[in-house]
Amino acid sequence: MTTTSINTADAKEEFSELLNRVTHYKERIILTRRGKEIAAIVPLEDLHTLQKSQSKNDLEEAVEALQEARNQGTITLEDLKNETG
């Protein structure tokens, strides 16, 4: 899979072509401004993979938090408010 960098001014002029390259050739486009990477145009499949990965990480963190609460116990909301001021 190819990755290409392009500045935002050029990307504006070539937007339709960039979308075609991402859609048909699964190219990843990194947008730059003043030499700094600021955003990307990626195939939709890449986005879905990223979202699934984030959901899996969120689920793992939730399971860990639940296990910690079971092992260490919990406190009431009122107690938490008193502790934090």
N, C-alpha and C. Protein backbone atom coordinates (compact mmCIF):
# COMPACT_ATOMS: atom_id res chain seq x y z
N MET A 1 0.86 -1.18 0.00
CA MET A 1 0.00 0.00 0.00
C MET A 1 0.90 1.24 0.00
N THR A 2 0.62 2.15 -0.87
CA THR A 2 1.42 3.36 -1.04
C THR A 2 0.93 4.47 -0.11
N THR A 3 1.88 5.22 0.43
CA THR A 3 1.56 6.40 1.21
C THR A 3 2.24 7.60 0.56
N THR A 4 1.48 8.66 0.36
CA THR A 4 1.98 9.86 -0.29
C THR A 4 1.69 11.07 0.58
N SER A 5 2.63 12.00 0.64
CA SER A 5 2.42 13.26 1.34
C SER A 5 2.16 14.36 0.32
N ILE A 6 1.26 15.26 0.66
CA ILE A 6 0.95 16.39 -0.22
C ILE A 6 0.53 17.56 0.65
N ASN A 7 0.94 18.76 0.26
CA ASN A 7 0.53 19.92 1.06
C ASN A 7 -0.93 20.26 0.76
N THR A 8 -1.55 20.93 1.70
CA THR A 8 -2.99 21.17 1.61
C THR A 8 -3.38 22.02 0.41
N ALA A 9 -2.52 22.95 0.01
CA ALA A 9 -2.84 23.78 -1.15
C ALA A 9 -2.92 22.93 -2.41
N ASP A 10 -1.94 22.03 -2.59
CA ASP A 10 -1.98 21.15 -3.76
C ASP A 10 -3.13 20.16 -3.66
N ALA A 11 -3.39 19.67 -2.45
CA ALA A 11 -4.48 18.71 -2.25
C ALA A 11 -5.82 19.33 -2.64
N LYS A 12 -5.98 20.60 -2.34
CA LYS A 12 -7.23 21.28 -2.69
C LYS A 12 -7.44 21.25 -4.21
N GLU A 13 -6.38 21.47 -4.94
CA GLU A 13 -6.47 21.49 -6.41
C GLU A 13 -6.67 20.08 -6.98
N GLU A 14 -6.17 19.06 -6.28
CA GLU A 14 -6.19 17.69 -6.80
C GLU A 14 -7.15 16.77 -6.02
N PHE A 15 -8.09 17.36 -5.30
CA PHE A 15 -8.90 16.57 -4.37
C PHE A 15 -9.59 15.39 -5.03
N SER A 16 -10.23 15.59 -6.16
CA SER A 16 -10.94 14.49 -6.84
C SER A 16 -9.98 13.37 -7.21
N GLU A 17 -8.82 13.73 -7.71
CA GLU A 17 -7.81 12.73 -8.08
C GLU A 17 -7.31 11.98 -6.85
N LEU A 18 -7.11 12.70 -5.76
CA LEU A 18 -6.67 12.04 -4.52
C LEU A 18 -7.71 11.04 -4.04
N LEU A 19 -8.98 11.41 -4.08
CA LEU A 19 -10.04 10.49 -3.68
C LEU A 19 -10.06 9.25 -4.57
N ASN A 20 -9.85 9.43 -5.85
CA ASN A 20 -9.79 8.28 -6.75
C ASN A 20 -8.63 7.35 -6.39
N ARG A 21 -7.47 7.92 -6.09
CA ARG A 21 -6.31 7.11 -5.73
C ARG A 21 -6.55 6.34 -4.44
N VAL A 22 -7.20 6.99 -3.47
CA VAL A 22 -7.51 6.32 -2.20
C VAL A 22 -8.55 5.22 -2.44
N THR A 23 -9.57 5.53 -3.20
CA THR A 23 -10.66 4.58 -3.43
C THR A 23 -10.23 3.39 -4.28
N HIS A 24 -9.57 3.64 -5.38
CA HIS A 24 -9.27 2.57 -6.34
C HIS A 24 -7.94 1.86 -6.08
N TYR A 25 -6.97 2.59 -5.57
CA TYR A 25 -5.63 2.00 -5.39
C TYR A 25 -5.25 1.82 -3.93
N LYS A 26 -6.19 2.14 -3.04
CA LYS A 26 -5.98 1.99 -1.58
C LYS A 26 -4.76 2.78 -1.10
N GLU A 27 -4.48 3.87 -1.77
CA GLU A 27 -3.37 4.73 -1.38
C GLU A 27 -3.75 5.52 -0.13
N ARG A 28 -2.78 5.79 0.71
CA ARG A 28 -2.98 6.64 1.88
C ARG A 28 -2.32 7.99 1.59
N ILE A 29 -3.06 9.05 1.84
CA ILE A 29 -2.58 10.40 1.55
C ILE A 29 -2.40 11.14 2.86
N ILE A 30 -1.21 11.64 3.11
CA ILE A 30 -0.93 12.45 4.29
C ILE A 30 -0.93 13.90 3.87
N LEU A 31 -1.76 14.69 4.51
CA LEU A 31 -1.84 16.12 4.21
C LEU A 31 -0.88 16.88 5.12
N THR A 32 -0.16 17.82 4.51
CA THR A 32 0.80 18.62 5.28
C THR A 32 0.49 20.09 5.14
N ARG A 33 0.88 20.84 6.15
CA ARG A 33 0.78 22.30 6.12
C ARG A 33 2.07 22.84 6.72
N ARG A 34 2.76 23.64 5.93
CA ARG A 34 4.05 24.18 6.34
C ARG A 34 5.02 23.07 6.76
N GLY A 35 4.97 21.96 6.03
CA GLY A 35 5.87 20.84 6.28
C GLY A 35 5.48 19.93 7.42
N LYS A 36 4.38 20.23 8.10
CA LYS A 36 3.94 19.43 9.24
C LYS A 36 2.74 18.57 8.84
N GLU A 37 2.79 17.28 9.19
CA GLU A 37 1.67 16.39 8.91
C GLU A 37 0.49 16.76 9.79
N ILE A 38 -0.68 16.96 9.17
CA ILE A 38 -1.84 17.41 9.95
C ILE A 38 -3.06 16.51 9.84
N ALA A 39 -3.15 15.72 8.77
CA ALA A 39 -4.33 14.88 8.58
C ALA A 39 -4.01 13.82 7.53
N ALA A 40 -4.97 12.92 7.34
CA ALA A 40 -4.78 11.87 6.33
C ALA A 40 -6.11 11.55 5.67
N ILE A 41 -6.00 11.12 4.43
CA ILE A 41 -7.13 10.56 3.70
C ILE A 41 -6.77 9.10 3.51
N VAL A 42 -7.61 8.22 4.04
CA VAL A 42 -7.30 6.79 3.99
C VAL A 42 -8.49 6.02 3.45
N PRO A 43 -8.24 4.82 2.95
CA PRO A 43 -9.37 3.98 2.52
C PRO A 43 -10.31 3.71 3.69
N LEU A 44 -11.57 3.58 3.39
CA LEU A 44 -12.58 3.34 4.41
C LEU A 44 -12.26 2.07 5.21
N GLU A 45 -11.70 1.07 4.56
CA GLU A 45 -11.33 -0.16 5.26
C GLU A 45 -10.33 0.12 6.37
N ASP A 46 -9.38 1.03 6.12
CA ASP A 46 -8.40 1.41 7.15
C ASP A 46 -9.09 2.03 8.35
N LEU A 47 -10.06 2.90 8.09
CA LEU A 47 -10.80 3.53 9.18
C LEU A 47 -11.55 2.50 10.00
N HIS A 48 -12.21 1.56 9.32
CA HIS A 48 -12.95 0.52 10.03
C HIS A 48 -12.02 -0.33 10.89
N THR A 49 -10.85 -0.66 10.38
CA THR A 49 -9.88 -1.42 11.15
C THR A 49 -9.44 -0.65 12.39
N LEU A 50 -9.19 0.63 12.23
CA LEU A 50 -8.80 1.48 13.36
C LEU A 50 -9.92 1.54 14.40
N GLN A 51 -11.15 1.70 13.96
CA GLN A 51 -12.27 1.78 14.89
C GLN A 51 -12.45 0.47 15.66
N LYS A 52 -12.29 -0.66 14.98
CA LYS A 52 -12.40 -1.96 15.65
C LYS A 52 -11.30 -2.10 16.70
N SER A 53 -10.11 -1.67 16.36
CA SER A 53 -8.99 -1.75 17.28
C SER A 53 -9.24 -0.90 18.52
N GLN A 54 -9.77 0.30 18.33
CA GLN A 54 -10.08 1.18 19.44
C GLN A 54 -11.17 0.57 20.32
N SER A 55 -12.18 -0.02 19.71
CA SER A 55 -13.26 -0.64 20.47
C SER A 55 -12.73 -1.80 21.30
N LYS A 56 -11.82 -2.58 20.71
CA LYS A 56 -11.24 -3.71 21.43
C LYS A 56 -10.42 -3.21 22.61
N ASN A 57 -9.64 -2.14 22.43
CA ASN A 57 -8.85 -1.57 23.52
C ASN A 57 -9.75 -1.03 24.62
N ASP A 58 -10.83 -0.37 24.23
CA ASP A 58 -11.78 0.16 25.22
C ASP A 58 -12.39 -0.97 26.04
N LEU A 59 -12.75 -2.06 25.37
CA LEU A 59 -13.33 -3.20 26.06
C LEU A 59 -12.33 -3.82 27.04
N GLU A 60 -11.07 -3.96 26.60
CA GLU A 60 -10.04 -4.52 27.48
C GLU A 60 -9.83 -3.64 28.71
N GLU A 61 -9.82 -2.33 28.52
CA GLU A 61 -9.67 -1.41 29.65
C GLU A 61 -10.85 -1.49 30.60
N ALA A 62 -12.05 -1.65 30.06
CA ALA A 62 -13.24 -1.76 30.90
C ALA A 62 -13.19 -3.05 31.73
N VAL A 63 -12.76 -4.15 31.13
CA VAL A 63 -12.65 -5.41 31.85
C VAL A 63 -11.61 -5.29 32.96
N GLU A 64 -10.47 -4.66 32.66
CA GLU A 64 -9.44 -4.45 33.68
C GLU A 64 -9.96 -3.59 34.83
N ALA A 65 -10.71 -2.55 34.52
CA ALA A 65 -11.25 -1.67 35.55
C ALA A 65 -12.26 -2.42 36.42
N LEU A 66 -13.06 -3.26 35.80
CA LEU A 66 -14.03 -4.05 36.56
C LEU A 66 -13.32 -5.04 37.48
N GLN A 67 -12.28 -5.68 36.98
CA GLN A 67 -11.51 -6.61 37.81
C GLN A 67 -10.86 -5.88 38.98
N GLU A 68 -10.31 -4.70 38.72
CA GLU A 68 -9.70 -3.90 39.79
C GLU A 68 -10.73 -3.53 40.84
N ALA A 69 -11.92 -3.13 40.40
CA ALA A 69 -12.98 -2.77 41.34
C ALA A 69 -13.39 -3.96 42.19
N ARG A 70 -13.45 -5.12 41.57
CA ARG A 70 -13.81 -6.33 42.33
C ARG A 70 -12.72 -6.69 43.34
N ASN A 71 -11.47 -6.51 42.95
CA ASN A 71 -10.35 -6.87 43.84
C ASN A 71 -10.15 -5.85 44.96
N GLN A 72 -10.30 -4.58 44.63
CA GLN A 72 -9.99 -3.53 45.61
C GLN A 72 -11.23 -2.95 46.27
N GLY A 73 -12.38 -3.26 45.76
CA GLY A 73 -13.60 -2.69 46.29
C GLY A 73 -13.90 -1.34 45.66
N THR A 74 -15.05 -0.82 45.99
CA THR A 74 -15.47 0.46 45.43
C THR A 74 -15.88 1.39 46.56
N ILE A 75 -16.08 2.66 46.22
CA ILE A 75 -16.56 3.64 47.18
C ILE A 75 -17.80 4.30 46.60
N THR A 76 -18.55 4.93 47.44
CA THR A 76 -19.77 5.61 46.97
C THR A 76 -19.39 6.92 46.29
N LEU A 77 -20.31 7.43 45.51
CA LEU A 77 -20.09 8.72 44.86
C LEU A 77 -19.91 9.82 45.90
N GLU A 78 -20.66 9.75 46.95
CA GLU A 78 -20.55 10.74 48.03
C GLU A 78 -19.14 10.72 48.65
N ASP A 79 -18.62 9.53 48.91
CA ASP A 79 -17.26 9.41 49.45
C ASP A 79 -16.23 9.96 48.47
N LEU A 80 -16.43 9.71 47.19
CA LEU A 80 -15.52 10.22 46.17
C LEU A 80 -15.54 11.74 46.16
N LYS A 81 -16.74 12.32 46.22
CA LYS A 81 -16.87 13.78 46.26
C LYS A 81 -16.15 14.35 47.48
N ASN A 82 -16.28 13.71 48.63
CA ASN A 82 -15.61 14.17 49.85
C ASN A 82 -14.10 14.08 49.75
N GLU A 83 -13.61 13.01 49.10
CA GLU A 83 -12.16 12.83 48.93
C GLU A 83 -11.56 13.85 47.99
N THR A 84 -12.29 14.20 46.93
CA THR A 84 -11.75 15.10 45.91
C THR A 84 -12.08 16.57 46.17
N GLY A 85 -12.92 16.81 47.15
CA GLY A 85 -13.22 18.19 47.52
C GLY A 85 -14.30 18.74 46.71
